[in-house]
Amino acid sequence: MGTLFVDKLDPQSGTSLELGSSGDTVAVNTGATTNLAGNVTLGASGKTITVPAGATITNNGTQTGFGGTNTPNFSVTRNSNQTGVSDNTSTKIQFNNVQYDTASGWSSSDYWWVVPSNEGGKYYISCSAYLSGGGHGYIDQATVLLYGGNGTSEIDVVEHSNSQNNFDTIILKFSGIYSLSAGDKINVHAQINVDGGTARIDGSGSWDYTHLQLAKIIE
């Protein structure tokens, strides 16, 4: 094998330079450094670029188009008070304001979000519920439940018991990472036991007291 010593290679046509032919392997010596200062395109559509085990890719610049995105994701709120809530009865929170929903999975009639096909995995879910005694009673006990599966399978629950009988309103919150399957119906229920008042789920268009948010985690 001969060695060619040159300082610069230019294509004869002035447009492109091709190294090797189909089936050939073009190798850079392991002790050499390749400095590509211009724009670089690696591979072609349908091809695979393989990084061997033990190799490291270091990024000291700005990357675009790499990694994943935390989609699907959505955020819904209750922007007005939800009345007609029976005392000490599990009631679905009717989130009536969709802030965003990348998969269009929210049902404004069933008040649940359906995990899209092929989108099962781990999800971060955050919820806040502003519960009230209607301004005339005290909350003895309050519970907020997260459901999935067919819409009735309990995933998580947060509770508060008020033995002092001195709270007319309370905000219950939870957040966590949950494993969801395609088709799961994510919804939230609240149960409020009120002494001397009327149970109510409060909402506000500006403060988002009552909200449900979700985003898929990149794995």
N, C-alpha and C. Protein backbone atom coordinates (compact mmCIF):
# COMPACT_ATOMS: atom_id res chain seq x y z
N MET A 1 0.85 -1.19 0.00
CA MET A 1 0.00 0.00 0.00
C MET A 1 0.88 1.23 0.00
N GLY A 2 0.65 2.12 -0.96
CA GLY A 2 1.45 3.32 -1.05
C GLY A 2 0.89 4.44 -0.21
N THR A 3 1.68 5.47 -0.02
CA THR A 3 1.28 6.64 0.75
C THR A 3 1.32 7.86 -0.15
N LEU A 4 0.23 8.65 -0.10
CA LEU A 4 0.14 9.86 -0.89
C LEU A 4 0.26 11.07 0.03
N PHE A 5 1.26 11.92 -0.22
CA PHE A 5 1.46 13.09 0.61
C PHE A 5 0.96 14.34 -0.14
N VAL A 6 -0.08 14.98 0.39
CA VAL A 6 -0.60 16.21 -0.21
C VAL A 6 -1.02 17.14 0.92
N ASP A 7 -1.14 18.42 0.61
CA ASP A 7 -1.62 19.39 1.59
C ASP A 7 -3.10 19.73 1.40
N LYS A 8 -3.62 19.44 0.21
CA LYS A 8 -5.00 19.81 -0.06
C LYS A 8 -5.55 18.96 -1.20
N LEU A 9 -6.82 18.53 -1.04
CA LEU A 9 -7.52 17.82 -2.09
C LEU A 9 -8.72 18.64 -2.53
N ASP A 10 -8.80 18.93 -3.80
CA ASP A 10 -9.95 19.64 -4.36
C ASP A 10 -10.56 18.77 -5.44
N PRO A 11 -11.90 18.76 -5.55
CA PRO A 11 -12.53 18.00 -6.63
C PRO A 11 -12.26 18.67 -7.98
N GLN A 12 -12.04 17.86 -8.99
CA GLN A 12 -11.75 18.40 -10.32
C GLN A 12 -12.92 19.23 -10.84
N SER A 13 -14.14 18.79 -10.50
CA SER A 13 -15.32 19.49 -11.00
C SER A 13 -15.58 20.79 -10.26
N GLY A 14 -15.00 20.93 -9.08
CA GLY A 14 -15.24 22.12 -8.27
C GLY A 14 -16.51 22.08 -7.47
N THR A 15 -17.18 20.94 -7.41
CA THR A 15 -18.45 20.85 -6.69
C THR A 15 -18.40 19.90 -5.50
N SER A 16 -17.88 18.70 -5.68
CA SER A 16 -17.87 17.73 -4.59
C SER A 16 -16.70 16.79 -4.74
N LEU A 17 -16.27 16.26 -3.59
CA LEU A 17 -15.16 15.32 -3.57
C LEU A 17 -15.65 14.02 -2.94
N GLU A 18 -15.47 12.92 -3.61
CA GLU A 18 -15.93 11.63 -3.11
C GLU A 18 -14.74 10.77 -2.73
N LEU A 19 -14.81 10.18 -1.52
CA LEU A 19 -13.76 9.28 -1.05
C LEU A 19 -14.29 7.85 -1.05
N GLY A 20 -13.63 6.96 -1.75
CA GLY A 20 -14.03 5.56 -1.77
C GLY A 20 -15.20 5.29 -2.69
N SER A 21 -15.46 4.01 -2.89
CA SER A 21 -16.57 3.55 -3.72
C SER A 21 -17.45 2.63 -2.91
N SER A 22 -18.57 2.24 -3.47
CA SER A 22 -19.51 1.37 -2.77
C SER A 22 -18.81 0.10 -2.30
N GLY A 23 -18.97 -0.22 -1.04
CA GLY A 23 -18.35 -1.42 -0.47
C GLY A 23 -17.01 -1.16 0.16
N ASP A 24 -16.41 0.01 -0.10
CA ASP A 24 -15.11 0.34 0.49
C ASP A 24 -15.28 0.87 1.91
N THR A 25 -14.22 0.86 2.68
CA THR A 25 -14.17 1.47 4.00
C THR A 25 -13.09 2.54 4.02
N VAL A 26 -13.46 3.75 4.37
CA VAL A 26 -12.50 4.84 4.49
C VAL A 26 -12.22 5.04 5.97
N ALA A 27 -10.98 4.82 6.40
CA ALA A 27 -10.64 4.86 7.81
C ALA A 27 -9.68 6.00 8.10
N VAL A 28 -9.85 6.62 9.29
CA VAL A 28 -8.91 7.61 9.80
C VAL A 28 -8.13 6.93 10.92
N ASN A 29 -6.83 6.98 10.87
CA ASN A 29 -5.99 6.33 11.86
C ASN A 29 -6.40 6.74 13.27
N THR A 30 -6.39 5.77 14.20
CA THR A 30 -6.86 6.03 15.55
C THR A 30 -6.04 7.10 16.27
N GLY A 31 -4.83 7.33 15.83
CA GLY A 31 -4.00 8.36 16.46
C GLY A 31 -4.12 9.72 15.79
N ALA A 32 -4.88 9.78 14.70
CA ALA A 32 -5.03 11.04 13.97
C ALA A 32 -6.25 11.81 14.47
N THR A 33 -6.29 13.10 14.17
CA THR A 33 -7.42 13.95 14.51
C THR A 33 -8.05 14.48 13.23
N THR A 34 -9.37 14.35 13.13
CA THR A 34 -10.09 14.85 11.97
C THR A 34 -10.76 16.16 12.34
N ASN A 35 -10.42 17.22 11.64
CA ASN A 35 -10.98 18.53 11.92
C ASN A 35 -11.88 18.95 10.76
N LEU A 36 -13.17 18.94 10.99
CA LEU A 36 -14.14 19.31 9.96
C LEU A 36 -14.70 20.68 10.33
N ALA A 37 -14.14 21.72 9.74
CA ALA A 37 -14.49 23.09 10.14
C ALA A 37 -15.73 23.62 9.43
N GLY A 38 -16.09 23.03 8.32
CA GLY A 38 -17.25 23.51 7.58
C GLY A 38 -18.51 22.76 7.96
N ASN A 39 -19.55 22.93 7.14
CA ASN A 39 -20.79 22.18 7.35
C ASN A 39 -20.57 20.72 6.98
N VAL A 40 -21.09 19.81 7.80
CA VAL A 40 -20.85 18.38 7.62
C VAL A 40 -22.18 17.64 7.56
N THR A 41 -22.34 16.78 6.58
CA THR A 41 -23.49 15.89 6.50
C THR A 41 -23.00 14.46 6.62
N LEU A 42 -23.52 13.75 7.61
CA LEU A 42 -23.12 12.36 7.84
C LEU A 42 -24.25 11.44 7.42
N GLY A 43 -23.95 10.51 6.55
CA GLY A 43 -24.96 9.55 6.12
C GLY A 43 -25.96 10.15 5.16
N ALA A 44 -26.91 9.34 4.78
CA ALA A 44 -27.98 9.74 3.87
C ALA A 44 -29.28 9.16 4.39
N SER A 45 -30.38 9.61 3.83
CA SER A 45 -31.69 9.13 4.25
C SER A 45 -31.75 7.61 4.19
N GLY A 46 -32.17 7.00 5.29
CA GLY A 46 -32.28 5.55 5.35
C GLY A 46 -31.03 4.85 5.81
N LYS A 47 -29.92 5.59 5.96
CA LYS A 47 -28.66 4.99 6.41
C LYS A 47 -28.52 5.07 7.93
N THR A 48 -27.61 4.29 8.46
CA THR A 48 -27.38 4.25 9.91
C THR A 48 -25.97 4.70 10.22
N ILE A 49 -25.85 5.62 11.19
CA ILE A 49 -24.54 6.05 11.68
C ILE A 49 -24.30 5.36 13.01
N THR A 50 -23.25 4.57 13.11
CA THR A 50 -22.99 3.76 14.29
C THR A 50 -21.79 4.31 15.07
N VAL A 51 -22.00 4.51 16.37
CA VAL A 51 -20.92 4.90 17.26
C VAL A 51 -20.52 3.66 18.05
N PRO A 52 -19.28 3.18 17.92
CA PRO A 52 -18.87 1.94 18.59
C PRO A 52 -18.94 2.05 20.11
N ALA A 53 -19.14 0.92 20.76
CA ALA A 53 -19.11 0.87 22.21
C ALA A 53 -17.76 1.36 22.72
N GLY A 54 -17.79 2.16 23.76
CA GLY A 54 -16.55 2.69 24.33
C GLY A 54 -16.18 4.05 23.78
N ALA A 55 -16.80 4.45 22.66
CA ALA A 55 -16.53 5.76 22.10
C ALA A 55 -17.37 6.81 22.81
N THR A 56 -16.96 8.06 22.75
CA THR A 56 -17.66 9.16 23.41
C THR A 56 -17.92 10.28 22.41
N ILE A 57 -19.16 10.78 22.40
CA ILE A 57 -19.50 11.96 21.61
C ILE A 57 -19.58 13.14 22.56
N THR A 58 -18.77 14.16 22.33
CA THR A 58 -18.75 15.34 23.19
C THR A 58 -19.31 16.54 22.45
N ASN A 59 -20.26 17.21 23.06
CA ASN A 59 -20.87 18.39 22.45
C ASN A 59 -20.50 19.63 23.24
N ASN A 60 -19.69 20.52 22.63
CA ASN A 60 -19.34 21.77 23.28
C ASN A 60 -20.05 22.96 22.64
N GLY A 61 -20.96 22.67 21.74
CA GLY A 61 -21.66 23.73 21.05
C GLY A 61 -23.14 23.67 21.30
N THR A 62 -23.92 24.18 20.36
CA THR A 62 -25.36 24.18 20.46
C THR A 62 -25.92 23.05 19.60
N GLN A 63 -26.79 22.24 20.19
CA GLN A 63 -27.36 21.12 19.45
C GLN A 63 -28.81 21.43 19.10
N THR A 64 -29.21 21.02 17.91
CA THR A 64 -30.60 21.09 17.49
C THR A 64 -30.96 19.79 16.80
N GLY A 65 -32.18 19.35 16.99
CA GLY A 65 -32.65 18.14 16.33
C GLY A 65 -32.22 16.85 17.00
N PHE A 66 -31.52 16.95 18.15
CA PHE A 66 -31.09 15.76 18.86
C PHE A 66 -32.03 15.49 20.03
N GLY A 67 -31.91 14.30 20.58
CA GLY A 67 -32.69 13.96 21.76
C GLY A 67 -34.17 13.84 21.43
N GLY A 68 -35.00 13.91 22.46
CA GLY A 68 -36.43 13.79 22.25
C GLY A 68 -37.16 14.99 22.81
N THR A 69 -38.44 14.96 22.72
CA THR A 69 -39.28 16.01 23.28
C THR A 69 -40.24 15.37 24.27
N ASN A 70 -40.61 16.13 25.28
CA ASN A 70 -41.51 15.61 26.31
C ASN A 70 -42.96 15.70 25.83
N THR A 71 -43.22 15.03 24.73
CA THR A 71 -44.57 14.97 24.20
C THR A 71 -45.03 13.52 24.14
N PRO A 72 -46.31 13.27 24.28
CA PRO A 72 -47.37 14.27 24.40
C PRO A 72 -47.39 14.93 25.77
N ASN A 73 -47.97 16.12 25.81
CA ASN A 73 -48.18 16.82 27.07
C ASN A 73 -49.44 17.68 26.98
N PHE A 74 -49.98 18.01 28.13
CA PHE A 74 -51.18 18.86 28.14
C PHE A 74 -51.30 19.57 29.49
N SER A 75 -52.14 20.59 29.51
CA SER A 75 -52.47 21.31 30.74
C SER A 75 -53.91 21.78 30.65
N VAL A 76 -54.70 21.40 31.65
CA VAL A 76 -56.09 21.84 31.72
C VAL A 76 -56.36 22.44 33.09
N THR A 77 -57.30 23.39 33.15
CA THR A 77 -57.63 24.05 34.41
C THR A 77 -59.14 24.10 34.58
N ARG A 78 -59.53 24.44 35.78
CA ARG A 78 -60.92 24.76 36.08
C ARG A 78 -60.96 26.28 36.23
N ASN A 79 -61.59 26.98 35.29
CA ASN A 79 -61.52 28.45 35.32
C ASN A 79 -62.76 29.10 35.92
N SER A 80 -63.60 28.28 36.57
CA SER A 80 -64.75 28.81 37.30
C SER A 80 -65.11 27.79 38.38
N ASN A 81 -65.92 28.20 39.35
CA ASN A 81 -66.28 27.29 40.43
C ASN A 81 -67.18 26.16 39.92
N GLN A 82 -66.87 24.93 40.34
CA GLN A 82 -67.71 23.78 39.99
C GLN A 82 -68.65 23.51 41.16
N THR A 83 -69.92 23.77 40.93
CA THR A 83 -70.93 23.60 41.97
C THR A 83 -71.69 22.29 41.74
N GLY A 84 -72.69 22.04 42.59
CA GLY A 84 -73.45 20.81 42.48
C GLY A 84 -72.65 19.59 42.91
N VAL A 85 -71.67 19.81 43.78
CA VAL A 85 -70.82 18.72 44.28
C VAL A 85 -71.47 18.13 45.53
N SER A 86 -71.83 16.87 45.48
CA SER A 86 -72.47 16.23 46.64
C SER A 86 -71.48 16.05 47.77
N ASP A 87 -71.94 16.27 48.99
CA ASP A 87 -71.08 16.16 50.17
C ASP A 87 -70.61 14.73 50.36
N ASN A 88 -69.31 14.59 50.64
CA ASN A 88 -68.70 13.30 50.97
C ASN A 88 -68.94 12.27 49.87
N THR A 89 -68.93 12.73 48.62
CA THR A 89 -69.14 11.85 47.48
C THR A 89 -68.06 12.09 46.44
N SER A 90 -67.47 11.03 45.92
CA SER A 90 -66.43 11.17 44.90
C SER A 90 -67.02 11.82 43.65
N THR A 91 -66.44 12.94 43.25
CA THR A 91 -66.95 13.72 42.12
C THR A 91 -65.81 14.02 41.15
N LYS A 92 -66.03 13.76 39.87
CA LYS A 92 -65.00 14.04 38.88
C LYS A 92 -64.82 15.56 38.73
N ILE A 93 -63.57 16.00 38.76
CA ILE A 93 -63.30 17.42 38.55
C ILE A 93 -63.45 17.73 37.06
N GLN A 94 -64.28 18.69 36.76
CA GLN A 94 -64.58 19.04 35.37
C GLN A 94 -63.66 20.17 34.91
N PHE A 95 -62.44 19.80 34.53
CA PHE A 95 -61.50 20.79 34.00
C PHE A 95 -62.07 21.31 32.67
N ASN A 96 -62.40 22.59 32.63
CA ASN A 96 -63.13 23.12 31.47
C ASN A 96 -62.33 24.10 30.62
N ASN A 97 -61.03 24.21 30.88
CA ASN A 97 -60.20 25.14 30.12
C ASN A 97 -58.92 24.42 29.69
N VAL A 98 -58.78 24.17 28.39
CA VAL A 98 -57.58 23.51 27.86
C VAL A 98 -56.56 24.57 27.50
N GLN A 99 -55.43 24.58 28.22
CA GLN A 99 -54.36 25.53 27.92
C GLN A 99 -53.53 25.07 26.73
N TYR A 100 -53.20 23.80 26.69
CA TYR A 100 -52.54 23.20 25.53
C TYR A 100 -52.69 21.69 25.62
N ASP A 101 -52.64 21.03 24.48
CA ASP A 101 -52.80 19.58 24.41
C ASP A 101 -52.18 19.11 23.10
N THR A 102 -50.93 18.68 23.14
CA THR A 102 -50.19 18.37 21.91
C THR A 102 -50.76 17.18 21.15
N ALA A 103 -51.47 16.30 21.84
CA ALA A 103 -52.01 15.10 21.19
C ALA A 103 -53.52 15.16 21.00
N SER A 104 -54.12 16.29 21.40
CA SER A 104 -55.58 16.43 21.30
C SER A 104 -56.29 15.26 21.97
N GLY A 105 -55.78 14.86 23.14
CA GLY A 105 -56.32 13.69 23.82
C GLY A 105 -57.35 14.02 24.89
N TRP A 106 -57.60 15.32 25.15
CA TRP A 106 -58.52 15.70 26.21
C TRP A 106 -59.97 15.66 25.72
N SER A 107 -60.84 15.04 26.51
CA SER A 107 -62.26 15.00 26.21
C SER A 107 -62.97 16.04 27.06
N SER A 108 -63.59 17.01 26.42
CA SER A 108 -64.30 18.07 27.14
C SER A 108 -65.67 17.63 27.62
N SER A 109 -66.07 16.41 27.28
CA SER A 109 -67.35 15.88 27.78
C SER A 109 -67.13 14.84 28.88
N ASP A 110 -66.06 14.03 28.74
CA ASP A 110 -65.75 13.02 29.77
C ASP A 110 -64.77 13.54 30.81
N TYR A 111 -64.13 14.66 30.52
CA TYR A 111 -63.15 15.27 31.43
C TYR A 111 -62.03 14.29 31.79
N TRP A 112 -61.50 13.65 30.75
CA TRP A 112 -60.31 12.83 30.93
C TRP A 112 -59.44 12.96 29.69
N TRP A 113 -58.16 12.57 29.88
CA TRP A 113 -57.18 12.60 28.79
C TRP A 113 -56.80 11.17 28.48
N VAL A 114 -56.87 10.80 27.21
CA VAL A 114 -56.60 9.43 26.78
C VAL A 114 -55.18 9.34 26.23
N VAL A 115 -54.38 8.43 26.77
CA VAL A 115 -53.02 8.21 26.29
C VAL A 115 -53.09 7.71 24.84
N PRO A 116 -52.45 8.39 23.89
CA PRO A 116 -52.56 8.01 22.48
C PRO A 116 -51.93 6.64 22.19
N SER A 117 -52.29 6.09 21.04
CA SER A 117 -51.70 4.82 20.60
C SER A 117 -50.18 4.96 20.48
N ASN A 118 -49.47 3.91 20.89
CA ASN A 118 -48.00 3.85 20.81
C ASN A 118 -47.31 4.89 21.69
N GLU A 119 -48.04 5.46 22.67
CA GLU A 119 -47.43 6.46 23.54
C GLU A 119 -47.41 6.02 25.01
N GLY A 120 -47.49 4.72 25.24
CA GLY A 120 -47.35 4.23 26.60
C GLY A 120 -45.94 4.48 27.11
N GLY A 121 -45.79 4.64 28.42
CA GLY A 121 -44.48 4.90 29.01
C GLY A 121 -44.62 5.61 30.34
N LYS A 122 -43.55 6.24 30.76
CA LYS A 122 -43.56 6.97 32.03
C LYS A 122 -43.95 8.43 31.79
N TYR A 123 -44.82 8.92 32.65
CA TYR A 123 -45.32 10.28 32.55
C TYR A 123 -45.18 11.02 33.88
N TYR A 124 -44.86 12.29 33.78
CA TYR A 124 -44.89 13.16 34.97
C TYR A 124 -46.26 13.82 35.00
N ILE A 125 -46.95 13.69 36.13
CA ILE A 125 -48.29 14.26 36.29
C ILE A 125 -48.30 15.16 37.52
N SER A 126 -48.91 16.32 37.38
CA SER A 126 -49.05 17.27 38.48
C SER A 126 -50.50 17.73 38.54
N CYS A 127 -51.03 17.81 39.77
CA CYS A 127 -52.42 18.21 39.94
C CYS A 127 -52.57 19.08 41.17
N SER A 128 -53.47 20.07 41.08
CA SER A 128 -53.83 20.90 42.22
C SER A 128 -55.34 21.05 42.23
N ALA A 129 -55.95 20.90 43.39
CA ALA A 129 -57.40 21.02 43.51
C ALA A 129 -57.74 21.95 44.67
N TYR A 130 -58.46 23.01 44.37
CA TYR A 130 -58.88 23.99 45.38
C TYR A 130 -60.29 23.61 45.82
N LEU A 131 -60.42 23.09 47.03
CA LEU A 131 -61.67 22.57 47.54
C LEU A 131 -62.25 23.53 48.57
N SER A 132 -63.57 23.67 48.57
CA SER A 132 -64.21 24.69 49.40
C SER A 132 -65.45 24.15 50.09
N GLY A 133 -65.76 24.77 51.22
CA GLY A 133 -67.01 24.50 51.93
C GLY A 133 -68.12 25.45 51.51
N GLY A 134 -67.89 26.18 50.44
CA GLY A 134 -68.91 27.07 49.91
C GLY A 134 -69.04 28.38 50.65
N GLY A 135 -68.09 28.68 51.53
CA GLY A 135 -68.12 29.94 52.26
C GLY A 135 -68.95 29.90 53.53
N HIS A 136 -69.58 28.75 53.80
CA HIS A 136 -70.47 28.69 54.97
C HIS A 136 -70.22 27.48 55.86
N GLY A 137 -69.20 26.69 55.55
CA GLY A 137 -68.97 25.50 56.35
C GLY A 137 -67.50 25.16 56.43
N TYR A 138 -67.20 24.19 57.25
CA TYR A 138 -65.81 23.77 57.45
C TYR A 138 -65.58 22.40 56.82
N ILE A 139 -64.39 22.24 56.26
CA ILE A 139 -64.04 20.97 55.63
C ILE A 139 -63.50 20.02 56.70
N ASP A 140 -64.24 18.95 56.95
CA ASP A 140 -63.79 17.95 57.91
C ASP A 140 -62.71 17.06 57.29
N GLN A 141 -62.93 16.67 56.03
CA GLN A 141 -61.99 15.78 55.36
C GLN A 141 -62.10 15.99 53.86
N ALA A 142 -60.96 15.89 53.19
CA ALA A 142 -60.94 16.08 51.74
C ALA A 142 -59.98 15.07 51.13
N THR A 143 -60.33 14.58 49.96
CA THR A 143 -59.52 13.58 49.26
C THR A 143 -59.51 13.92 47.76
N VAL A 144 -58.35 13.80 47.15
CA VAL A 144 -58.23 13.94 45.70
C VAL A 144 -57.62 12.66 45.16
N LEU A 145 -58.25 12.09 44.13
CA LEU A 145 -57.82 10.80 43.59
C LEU A 145 -57.50 10.94 42.12
N LEU A 146 -56.40 10.31 41.69
CA LEU A 146 -56.01 10.23 40.30
C LEU A 146 -56.38 8.86 39.76
N TYR A 147 -57.10 8.85 38.64
CA TYR A 147 -57.53 7.59 38.04
C TYR A 147 -56.90 7.42 36.66
N GLY A 148 -56.71 6.16 36.27
CA GLY A 148 -56.22 5.82 34.94
C GLY A 148 -56.90 4.55 34.47
N GLY A 149 -56.18 3.73 33.69
CA GLY A 149 -56.77 2.50 33.17
C GLY A 149 -58.01 2.81 32.35
N ASN A 150 -59.13 2.17 32.71
CA ASN A 150 -60.39 2.42 31.99
C ASN A 150 -61.10 3.67 32.51
N GLY A 151 -60.40 4.42 33.35
CA GLY A 151 -60.96 5.65 33.91
C GLY A 151 -61.38 5.52 35.35
N THR A 152 -61.31 4.29 35.89
CA THR A 152 -61.75 4.06 37.27
C THR A 152 -60.70 3.36 38.12
N SER A 153 -59.50 3.16 37.57
CA SER A 153 -58.43 2.48 38.32
C SER A 153 -57.61 3.52 39.08
N GLU A 154 -57.59 3.43 40.39
CA GLU A 154 -56.88 4.42 41.20
C GLU A 154 -55.38 4.31 41.02
N ILE A 155 -54.75 5.45 40.71
CA ILE A 155 -53.30 5.52 40.54
C ILE A 155 -52.64 6.16 41.75
N ASP A 156 -53.27 7.21 42.28
CA ASP A 156 -52.68 7.93 43.42
C ASP A 156 -53.80 8.61 44.18
N VAL A 157 -53.51 8.95 45.43
CA VAL A 157 -54.51 9.62 46.26
C VAL A 157 -53.78 10.52 47.27
N VAL A 158 -54.39 11.67 47.58
CA VAL A 158 -53.88 12.54 48.62
C VAL A 158 -55.07 12.95 49.49
N GLU A 159 -54.86 12.93 50.81
CA GLU A 159 -55.96 13.18 51.74
C GLU A 159 -55.56 14.23 52.77
N HIS A 160 -56.61 14.88 53.30
CA HIS A 160 -56.38 15.82 54.40
C HIS A 160 -57.55 15.71 55.38
N SER A 161 -57.21 15.59 56.66
CA SER A 161 -58.23 15.54 57.70
C SER A 161 -58.07 16.77 58.60
N ASN A 162 -59.16 17.50 58.82
CA ASN A 162 -59.13 18.74 59.59
C ASN A 162 -59.85 18.53 60.92
N SER A 163 -59.10 18.14 61.92
CA SER A 163 -59.71 17.85 63.22
C SER A 163 -60.08 19.12 63.99
N GLN A 164 -59.51 20.27 63.58
CA GLN A 164 -59.77 21.51 64.30
C GLN A 164 -61.03 22.24 63.80
N ASN A 165 -61.58 21.79 62.67
CA ASN A 165 -62.78 22.40 62.12
C ASN A 165 -62.62 23.90 61.91
N ASN A 166 -61.51 24.30 61.30
CA ASN A 166 -61.28 25.73 61.12
C ASN A 166 -60.85 26.11 59.72
N PHE A 167 -61.08 25.21 58.75
CA PHE A 167 -60.73 25.53 57.36
C PHE A 167 -61.98 25.47 56.49
N ASP A 168 -62.24 26.56 55.78
CA ASP A 168 -63.34 26.57 54.82
C ASP A 168 -62.85 26.20 53.43
N THR A 169 -61.57 26.42 53.19
CA THR A 169 -60.98 26.06 51.89
C THR A 169 -59.66 25.34 52.12
N ILE A 170 -59.29 24.53 51.15
CA ILE A 170 -58.02 23.82 51.23
C ILE A 170 -57.57 23.48 49.81
N ILE A 171 -56.27 23.54 49.58
CA ILE A 171 -55.70 23.15 48.30
C ILE A 171 -54.91 21.86 48.49
N LEU A 172 -55.30 20.83 47.77
CA LEU A 172 -54.58 19.56 47.81
C LEU A 172 -53.80 19.40 46.51
N LYS A 173 -52.53 19.00 46.63
CA LYS A 173 -51.68 18.86 45.45
C LYS A 173 -50.96 17.51 45.48
N PHE A 174 -50.66 17.02 44.30
CA PHE A 174 -49.79 15.84 44.19
C PHE A 174 -49.05 15.91 42.87
N SER A 175 -47.93 15.23 42.82
CA SER A 175 -47.17 15.11 41.57
C SER A 175 -46.31 13.86 41.68
N GLY A 176 -45.96 13.33 40.53
CA GLY A 176 -45.14 12.12 40.53
C GLY A 176 -44.96 11.58 39.13
N ILE A 177 -44.24 10.48 39.05
CA ILE A 177 -43.99 9.80 37.78
C ILE A 177 -44.78 8.49 37.78
N TYR A 178 -45.55 8.29 36.73
CA TYR A 178 -46.46 7.16 36.67
C TYR A 178 -46.29 6.42 35.34
N SER A 179 -46.39 5.09 35.39
CA SER A 179 -46.34 4.28 34.17
C SER A 179 -47.74 4.16 33.59
N LEU A 180 -47.91 4.64 32.36
CA LEU A 180 -49.21 4.63 31.72
C LEU A 180 -49.15 3.79 30.45
N SER A 181 -50.29 3.27 30.06
CA SER A 181 -50.41 2.48 28.84
C SER A 181 -51.30 3.21 27.84
N ALA A 182 -51.10 2.92 26.57
CA ALA A 182 -51.95 3.51 25.54
C ALA A 182 -53.41 3.18 25.83
N GLY A 183 -54.26 4.18 25.74
CA GLY A 183 -55.68 3.98 26.02
C GLY A 183 -56.09 4.32 27.43
N ASP A 184 -55.13 4.50 28.35
CA ASP A 184 -55.47 4.88 29.72
C ASP A 184 -56.20 6.21 29.72
N LYS A 185 -57.23 6.32 30.57
CA LYS A 185 -58.04 7.53 30.66
C LYS A 185 -57.70 8.24 31.98
N ILE A 186 -56.93 9.32 31.89
CA ILE A 186 -56.44 10.03 33.06
C ILE A 186 -57.46 11.07 33.50
N ASN A 187 -57.94 10.95 34.73
CA ASN A 187 -58.91 11.91 35.25
C ASN A 187 -58.75 12.02 36.76
N VAL A 188 -59.36 13.05 37.34
CA VAL A 188 -59.19 13.34 38.76
C VAL A 188 -60.55 13.49 39.43
N HIS A 189 -60.68 12.90 40.61
CA HIS A 189 -61.89 13.03 41.42
C HIS A 189 -61.56 13.72 42.74
N ALA A 190 -62.55 14.38 43.31
CA ALA A 190 -62.41 14.98 44.64
C ALA A 190 -63.59 14.54 45.50
N GLN A 191 -63.30 14.35 46.78
CA GLN A 191 -64.36 14.02 47.74
C GLN A 191 -64.20 14.95 48.93
N ILE A 192 -65.26 15.71 49.23
CA ILE A 192 -65.20 16.75 50.26
C ILE A 192 -66.29 16.49 51.29
N ASN A 193 -65.89 16.38 52.55
CA ASN A 193 -66.84 16.22 53.65
C ASN A 193 -66.93 17.56 54.37
N VAL A 194 -68.08 18.25 54.22
CA VAL A 194 -68.24 19.61 54.73
C VAL A 194 -69.20 19.60 55.92
N ASP A 195 -68.83 20.35 56.95
CA ASP A 195 -69.67 20.51 58.13
C ASP A 195 -70.38 21.86 58.06
N GLY A 196 -71.68 21.83 57.78
CA GLY A 196 -72.47 23.05 57.79
C GLY A 196 -72.39 23.90 56.54
N GLY A 197 -71.88 23.37 55.45
CA GLY A 197 -71.78 24.15 54.23
C GLY A 197 -72.08 23.29 53.01
N THR A 198 -71.67 23.80 51.85
CA THR A 198 -71.91 23.11 50.59
C THR A 198 -70.58 22.85 49.88
N ALA A 199 -70.31 21.61 49.57
CA ALA A 199 -69.05 21.26 48.91
C ALA A 199 -68.96 21.94 47.55
N ARG A 200 -67.73 22.38 47.22
CA ARG A 200 -67.51 23.07 45.95
C ARG A 200 -66.05 22.91 45.53
N ILE A 201 -65.82 22.84 44.22
CA ILE A 201 -64.46 22.83 43.68
C ILE A 201 -64.23 24.18 43.02
N ASP A 202 -63.30 24.94 43.55
CA ASP A 202 -63.09 26.31 43.09
C ASP A 202 -62.10 26.38 41.94
N GLY A 203 -62.32 27.36 41.08
CA GLY A 203 -61.42 27.58 39.96
C GLY A 203 -61.28 29.07 39.71
N SER A 204 -60.27 29.44 38.98
CA SER A 204 -60.03 30.84 38.65
C SER A 204 -59.32 30.92 37.32
N GLY A 205 -59.75 31.83 36.48
CA GLY A 205 -59.14 31.97 35.17
C GLY A 205 -57.74 32.52 35.22
N SER A 206 -57.37 33.21 36.30
CA SER A 206 -56.05 33.84 36.36
C SER A 206 -55.07 33.07 37.24
N TRP A 207 -55.56 32.42 38.29
CA TRP A 207 -54.65 31.79 39.24
C TRP A 207 -54.48 30.30 39.02
N ASP A 208 -55.35 29.70 38.25
CA ASP A 208 -55.25 28.26 38.00
C ASP A 208 -55.18 27.46 39.29
N TYR A 209 -56.06 27.78 40.23
CA TYR A 209 -56.08 27.05 41.50
C TYR A 209 -56.23 25.55 41.28
N THR A 210 -57.10 25.20 40.34
CA THR A 210 -57.40 23.79 40.08
C THR A 210 -56.91 23.44 38.68
N HIS A 211 -55.92 22.56 38.60
CA HIS A 211 -55.34 22.23 37.30
C HIS A 211 -54.81 20.80 37.27
N LEU A 212 -54.63 20.29 36.06
CA LEU A 212 -54.05 18.97 35.83
C LEU A 212 -53.07 19.10 34.67
N GLN A 213 -51.84 18.64 34.88
CA GLN A 213 -50.80 18.76 33.85
C GLN A 213 -50.07 17.43 33.71
N LEU A 214 -49.62 17.16 32.51
CA LEU A 214 -48.96 15.88 32.22
C LEU A 214 -47.95 16.06 31.10
N ALA A 215 -46.85 15.31 31.18
CA ALA A 215 -45.84 15.31 30.11
C ALA A 215 -45.13 13.95 30.10
N LYS A 216 -44.92 13.42 28.91
CA LYS A 216 -44.21 12.15 28.80
C LYS A 216 -42.73 12.36 29.06
N ILE A 217 -42.12 11.41 29.73
CA ILE A 217 -40.70 11.49 30.08
C ILE A 217 -39.86 10.80 29.01
N ILE A 218 -38.78 11.46 28.60
CA ILE A 218 -37.85 10.87 27.64
C ILE A 218 -37.06 9.79 28.33
N GLU A 219 -37.06 8.58 27.77
CA GLU A 219 -36.31 7.47 28.37
C GLU A 219 -35.18 7.04 27.45
